[in-house]
């Protein structure tokens, strides 16, 4: 029997370096997310209790991590919304918003007693902590959403209000995390060092691009055998921006995956019997071009997402 998918909107950009991605949940739903999922055979739950919007605000006094208080607030809200979906037996499809919401998704699954593994399908490892990014790095330097995995792993220097938000600290062990689609030239030195020191499983974007399905299958065959629930975090900056111009950052113009390649990855992950939820982050509808190309790209993204769900979960 196909599980019901519950769409959970978290319109947040407080953890990001600029506003815009808080508009993503509404934009993704407007191009037919629920209808596309229903067309491939799913029952879809959309509750009429959308939360407030948490927009990005520049705070010049916060030099190493911006907007901590609202970020903690919406991470907590995410935790409670996902917990409610899990208690109802629904499969959470969380639409952000910035990457920090994954902290709440993981916390909710731990509250439910799940042994959780996280596939972080993202061009970035998000393993920075406040102060670890050199001045001049630009768009990412103060953004908490470039630090989400670091907070889930409880790295030294992370914000206690985020590392301690769940039922245990740290939320995840290093062996619980696999980073897929990693773009090494966009990582900080601190991240590269942490990946090596902690032995984080990483599959680079070029490796994925050569064989998206095969690499995803090999990951699931060789990683996470002691985990009974698999969460997938999908940051659209893993996509080549010229192929699919929907991400908040436009840096991935010569790197990253095509939408077709990313869909092949998601198909394998979603079909795994342990699959327990998907989070989509960092879509920025305000990048839309006047010719409508960005809207068309977002519509294609939703159609491909539904295709990835077209194989029954656990098949």
Protein backbone atom coordinates (compact mmCIF):
# COMPACT_ATOMS: atom_id res chain seq x y z
CA UNK A 1 0.00 0.00 0.00
CA UNK A 2 1.40 3.41 -1.01
CA UNK A 3 2.02 5.74 1.91
CA UNK A 4 0.52 9.19 2.00
CA UNK A 5 2.93 12.02 1.31
CA UNK A 6 2.52 15.06 3.54
CA UNK A 7 3.85 18.29 2.07
CA UNK A 8 5.32 20.49 4.79
CA UNK A 9 6.19 24.08 3.84
CA UNK A 10 8.92 25.89 5.77
CA UNK A 11 9.23 29.37 4.19
CA UNK A 12 12.55 30.38 5.69
CA UNK A 13 15.61 32.33 4.62
CA UNK A 14 16.76 33.58 8.03
CA UNK A 15 19.66 31.12 7.92
CA UNK A 16 20.61 32.21 4.39
CA UNK A 17 22.76 35.09 3.26
CA UNK A 18 19.92 36.87 1.44
CA UNK A 19 16.16 36.83 1.07
CA UNK A 20 14.25 35.02 -1.67
CA UNK A 21 14.23 31.33 -0.79
CA UNK A 22 11.44 31.87 1.74
CA UNK A 23 9.21 32.18 -1.35
CA UNK A 24 10.12 28.71 -2.60
CA UNK A 25 7.42 26.60 -0.91
CA UNK A 26 4.64 28.69 -2.44
CA UNK A 27 6.33 28.75 -5.84
CA UNK A 28 6.91 24.98 -5.89
CA UNK A 29 3.32 24.27 -4.91
CA UNK A 30 2.07 26.77 -7.51
CA UNK A 31 3.67 24.86 -10.39
CA UNK A 32 1.79 21.70 -9.43
CA UNK A 33 3.75 19.67 -6.89
CA UNK A 34 0.72 17.99 -5.31
CA UNK A 35 -0.95 17.28 -8.67
CA UNK A 36 2.27 15.83 -10.09
CA UNK A 37 2.61 13.44 -7.15
CA UNK A 38 -1.03 12.42 -7.41
CA UNK A 39 -0.52 11.72 -11.11
CA UNK A 40 2.08 9.06 -10.23
CA UNK A 41 -0.26 7.39 -7.76
CA UNK A 42 0.26 9.03 -4.36
CA UNK A 43 -2.23 10.34 -1.87
CA UNK A 44 -1.03 13.82 -0.94
CA UNK A 45 -1.80 15.69 2.28
CA UNK A 46 -1.57 19.49 2.23
CA UNK A 47 -2.57 21.06 5.53
CA UNK A 48 -3.93 24.59 5.60
CA UNK A 49 -1.73 25.73 8.47
CA UNK A 50 1.24 27.33 6.79
CA UNK A 51 3.67 28.86 9.29
CA UNK A 52 4.84 32.46 9.35
CA UNK A 53 7.64 33.47 7.00
CA UNK A 54 11.13 33.78 8.47
CA UNK A 55 12.96 36.16 6.09
CA UNK A 56 16.65 36.89 5.93
CA UNK A 57 17.72 40.10 7.63
CA UNK A 58 21.16 41.66 7.60
CA UNK A 59 22.54 42.12 11.11
CA UNK A 60 25.91 43.88 10.94
CA UNK A 61 26.73 42.98 14.55
CA UNK A 62 26.63 39.24 13.80
CA UNK A 63 29.94 38.76 12.03
CA UNK A 64 30.23 34.96 12.08
CA UNK A 65 26.64 33.66 12.11
CA UNK A 66 23.54 35.64 11.21
CA UNK A 67 19.98 35.45 12.55
CA UNK A 68 20.48 32.70 15.12
CA UNK A 69 17.25 33.32 17.05
CA UNK A 70 14.80 33.02 14.11
CA UNK A 71 16.76 30.07 12.75
CA UNK A 72 16.34 28.22 16.03
CA UNK A 73 12.64 29.11 15.91
CA UNK A 74 11.94 27.65 12.48
CA UNK A 75 14.11 24.60 13.08
CA UNK A 76 11.92 23.91 16.11
CA UNK A 77 8.81 24.45 14.03
CA UNK A 78 10.11 22.01 11.42
CA UNK A 79 10.70 19.44 14.15
CA UNK A 80 7.13 19.66 15.40
CA UNK A 81 5.58 19.58 11.90
CA UNK A 82 7.61 16.54 10.84
CA UNK A 83 6.84 14.80 14.14
CA UNK A 84 3.12 15.25 13.49
CA UNK A 85 3.44 13.77 9.99
CA UNK A 86 5.39 10.78 11.29
CA UNK A 87 2.84 10.17 14.04
CA UNK A 88 0.13 10.08 11.35
CA UNK A 89 2.09 7.50 9.36
CA UNK A 90 2.76 9.96 6.54
CA UNK A 91 5.92 10.35 4.47
CA UNK A 92 7.22 13.91 5.04
CA UNK A 93 8.12 15.97 1.98
CA UNK A 94 9.59 19.11 3.49
CA UNK A 95 9.86 22.15 1.22
CA UNK A 96 12.21 24.93 2.33
CA UNK A 97 13.60 27.34 2.81
CA UNK A 98 17.23 27.14 3.66
CA UNK A 99 19.31 24.10 4.57
CA UNK A 100 19.12 24.57 8.34
CA UNK A 101 15.63 23.04 8.37
CA UNK A 102 17.24 19.60 8.05
CA UNK A 103 18.25 19.89 11.71
CA UNK A 104 14.56 19.85 12.63
CA UNK A 105 13.79 16.97 10.26
CA UNK A 106 16.50 14.81 11.81
CA UNK A 107 15.47 15.78 15.35
CA UNK A 108 11.87 14.72 14.68
CA UNK A 109 12.95 11.32 13.39
CA UNK A 110 15.12 10.76 16.45
CA UNK A 111 12.15 11.73 18.63
CA UNK A 112 10.27 8.89 16.93
CA UNK A 113 13.00 6.42 17.92
CA UNK A 114 14.41 5.98 14.42
CA UNK A 115 18.02 4.99 13.69
CA UNK A 116 18.60 7.67 11.10
CA UNK A 117 20.97 7.95 8.17
CA UNK A 118 21.18 11.15 6.15
CA UNK A 119 22.08 11.34 2.46
CA UNK A 120 23.05 14.95 2.01
CA UNK A 121 22.51 15.45 -1.74
CA UNK A 122 24.16 18.84 -1.99
CA UNK A 123 26.97 20.61 -3.76
CA UNK A 124 28.26 21.66 -0.34
CA UNK A 125 29.03 19.70 2.80
CA UNK A 126 27.62 22.47 5.05
CA UNK A 127 30.22 21.59 7.68
CA UNK A 128 31.37 25.09 8.59
CA UNK A 129 30.96 26.64 12.02
CA UNK A 130 30.80 30.32 12.97
CA UNK A 131 34.20 31.86 12.40
CA UNK A 132 35.61 29.03 10.29
CA UNK A 133 35.07 30.76 6.95
CA UNK A 134 37.70 33.37 6.03
CA UNK A 135 36.70 36.97 5.40
CA UNK A 136 36.12 37.65 1.75
CA UNK A 137 34.52 34.29 1.00
CA UNK A 138 31.45 36.25 -0.03
CA UNK A 139 27.91 34.96 -0.10
CA UNK A 140 28.31 32.05 2.30
CA UNK A 141 30.50 33.43 5.07
CA UNK A 142 27.90 34.21 7.76
CA UNK A 143 25.12 31.88 6.62
CA UNK A 144 23.90 29.29 9.11
CA UNK A 145 22.62 27.22 6.20
CA UNK A 146 26.27 26.62 5.23
CA UNK A 147 26.68 25.09 8.70
CA UNK A 148 23.76 22.65 9.03
CA UNK A 149 25.71 19.39 8.97
CA UNK A 150 28.26 20.82 11.40
CA UNK A 151 25.46 21.47 13.88
CA UNK A 152 23.96 18.00 13.43
CA UNK A 153 27.41 16.50 14.06
CA UNK A 154 28.01 18.81 17.02
CA UNK A 155 31.34 20.10 15.75
CA UNK A 156 33.37 22.29 18.06
CA UNK A 157 32.41 25.92 17.57
CA UNK A 158 28.83 25.20 16.47
CA UNK A 159 25.93 27.18 17.98
CA UNK A 160 24.72 25.35 21.15
CA UNK A 161 21.10 26.39 20.59
CA UNK A 162 21.15 24.39 17.35
CA UNK A 163 23.35 21.46 18.33
CA UNK A 164 21.23 20.82 21.42
CA UNK A 165 17.82 21.15 19.77
CA UNK A 166 17.08 17.42 19.62
CA UNK A 167 16.73 14.51 22.02
CA UNK A 168 20.46 13.83 21.88
CA UNK A 169 23.65 15.74 21.14
CA UNK A 170 25.08 15.35 18.63
CA UNK A 171 22.09 14.43 16.50
CA UNK A 172 24.21 12.34 14.13
CA UNK A 173 27.44 10.37 14.13
CA UNK A 174 29.87 10.95 11.28
CA UNK A 175 29.08 7.46 9.99
CA UNK A 176 25.39 8.44 9.74
CA UNK A 177 26.07 11.01 7.01
CA UNK A 178 26.89 10.58 3.32
CA UNK A 179 27.44 13.64 1.13
CA UNK A 180 26.49 13.12 -2.51
CA UNK A 181 27.18 15.57 -5.33
CA UNK A 182 29.97 17.39 -3.48
CA UNK A 183 31.69 20.23 -5.38
CA UNK A 184 35.15 20.39 -3.75
CA UNK A 185 36.22 23.72 -5.22
CA UNK A 186 33.30 25.40 -3.46
CA UNK A 187 34.23 24.00 -0.03
CA UNK A 188 36.15 25.81 2.68
CA UNK A 189 39.47 24.48 3.96
CA UNK A 190 37.77 23.82 7.28
CA UNK A 191 35.18 21.59 5.62
CA UNK A 192 37.79 19.59 3.72
CA UNK A 193 39.71 19.04 6.95
CA UNK A 194 36.60 17.91 8.84
CA UNK A 195 35.59 15.51 6.07
CA UNK A 196 39.01 13.88 6.20
CA UNK A 197 39.28 13.83 10.00
CA UNK A 198 35.80 12.41 10.55
CA UNK A 199 35.89 10.00 7.62
CA UNK A 200 32.65 11.31 6.13
CA UNK A 201 31.46 9.31 3.13
CA UNK A 202 31.60 11.61 0.09
CA UNK A 203 30.63 10.99 -3.53
CA UNK A 204 31.72 13.91 -5.72
CA UNK A 205 29.51 15.42 -8.38
CA UNK A 206 31.73 14.27 -11.26
CA UNK A 207 31.57 10.68 -10.04
CA UNK A 208 27.79 10.93 -9.73
CA UNK A 209 27.48 12.48 -13.19
CA UNK A 210 29.22 9.52 -14.84
CA UNK A 211 26.78 6.96 -13.41
CA UNK A 212 24.01 8.50 -11.26
CA UNK A 213 22.01 5.31 -10.68
CA UNK A 214 25.03 3.05 -10.27
CA UNK A 215 26.81 5.31 -7.79
CA UNK A 216 23.64 5.70 -5.74
CA UNK A 217 23.14 1.94 -5.64
CA UNK A 218 26.78 1.41 -4.61
CA UNK A 219 26.38 3.93 -1.81
CA UNK A 220 23.37 2.11 -0.39
CA UNK A 221 25.11 -1.24 -0.71
CA UNK A 222 28.21 -0.13 1.20
CA UNK A 223 27.05 2.49 3.72
CA UNK A 224 24.56 2.73 6.55
CA UNK A 225 23.89 -0.95 7.20
CA UNK A 226 23.06 -0.26 10.87
CA UNK A 227 20.44 2.37 9.98
CA UNK A 228 16.74 1.64 9.64
CA UNK A 229 15.53 5.03 8.35
CA UNK A 230 16.99 6.94 5.41
CA UNK A 231 16.47 10.68 5.08
CA UNK A 232 17.39 12.55 1.91
CA UNK A 233 18.31 16.23 1.89
CA UNK A 234 18.22 17.72 -1.62
CA UNK A 235 19.80 21.14 -2.04
CA UNK A 236 19.20 22.28 -5.61
CA UNK A 237 22.61 23.96 -5.76
CA UNK A 238 23.90 20.48 -6.67
CA UNK A 239 22.36 21.21 -10.08
CA UNK A 240 24.24 23.00 -12.84
CA UNK A 241 22.66 26.46 -12.82
CA UNK A 242 22.80 26.81 -16.59
CA UNK A 243 20.88 23.56 -16.96
CA UNK A 244 18.34 24.27 -14.22
CA UNK A 245 18.36 27.92 -13.06
CA UNK A 246 16.44 27.62 -9.80
CA UNK A 247 19.09 27.61 -7.02
CA UNK A 248 19.78 30.44 -4.61
CA UNK A 249 23.46 30.53 -5.53
CA UNK A 250 24.41 30.91 -9.18
CA UNK A 251 27.99 29.71 -8.60
CA UNK A 252 27.48 26.27 -10.18
CA UNK A 253 27.58 27.34 -13.82
CA UNK A 254 30.43 25.09 -14.94
CA UNK A 255 29.91 22.33 -12.39
CA UNK A 256 27.07 20.28 -10.97
CA UNK A 257 24.53 17.78 -12.22
CA UNK A 258 21.88 18.00 -14.87
CA UNK A 259 18.30 17.64 -13.74
CA UNK A 260 18.15 14.26 -15.47
CA UNK A 261 21.20 13.02 -13.53
CA UNK A 262 19.83 14.24 -10.22
CA UNK A 263 16.51 12.53 -10.90
CA UNK A 264 18.29 9.21 -11.43
CA UNK A 265 19.92 9.61 -8.00
CA UNK A 266 16.61 10.39 -6.31
CA UNK A 267 14.90 7.43 -7.96
CA UNK A 268 17.36 5.03 -6.33
CA UNK A 269 17.26 6.70 -2.91
CA UNK A 270 13.48 6.97 -2.77
CA UNK A 271 13.03 3.35 -3.82
CA UNK A 272 15.13 2.13 -0.87
CA UNK A 273 13.02 0.31 1.71
CA UNK A 274 14.40 2.57 4.48
CA UNK A 275 13.47 5.84 2.77
CA UNK A 276 11.63 7.99 5.32
CA UNK A 277 11.47 11.52 3.97
CA UNK A 278 12.79 14.10 1.53
CA UNK A 279 13.75 17.71 2.19
CA UNK A 280 14.12 20.19 -0.69
CA UNK A 281 16.04 23.40 -0.07
CA UNK A 282 17.62 26.52 -1.58
CA UNK A 283 15.18 27.14 -4.45
CA UNK A 284 15.07 30.89 -5.12
CA UNK A 285 12.13 31.95 -7.31
CA UNK A 286 13.31 35.59 -7.29
CA UNK A 287 16.06 34.68 -9.75
CA UNK A 288 13.36 34.26 -12.38
CA UNK A 289 14.16 35.66 -15.79
CA UNK A 290 11.64 37.85 -17.57
CA UNK A 291 11.41 35.37 -20.44
CA UNK A 292 9.84 32.79 -18.11
CA UNK A 293 12.73 30.34 -18.38
CA UNK A 294 13.14 30.03 -14.61
CA UNK A 295 9.45 29.24 -14.15
CA UNK A 296 9.71 26.60 -16.85
CA UNK A 297 12.80 25.20 -15.09
CA UNK A 298 10.91 25.03 -11.79
CA UNK A 299 8.00 23.26 -13.46
CA UNK A 300 10.43 20.75 -15.02
CA UNK A 301 12.02 20.26 -11.61
CA UNK A 302 8.65 19.37 -10.06
CA UNK A 303 7.81 16.98 -12.90
CA UNK A 304 11.16 15.22 -12.48
CA UNK A 305 10.65 15.06 -8.73
CA UNK A 306 7.35 13.27 -9.30
CA UNK A 307 9.12 10.92 -11.69
CA UNK A 308 11.60 10.06 -8.95
CA UNK A 309 8.67 9.04 -6.77
CA UNK A 310 7.06 6.99 -9.54
CA UNK A 311 8.71 3.78 -8.35
CA UNK A 312 6.94 2.69 -5.16
CA UNK A 313 8.85 3.57 -1.99
CA UNK A 314 10.63 0.45 -0.83
CA UNK A 315 10.44 -1.20 -4.28
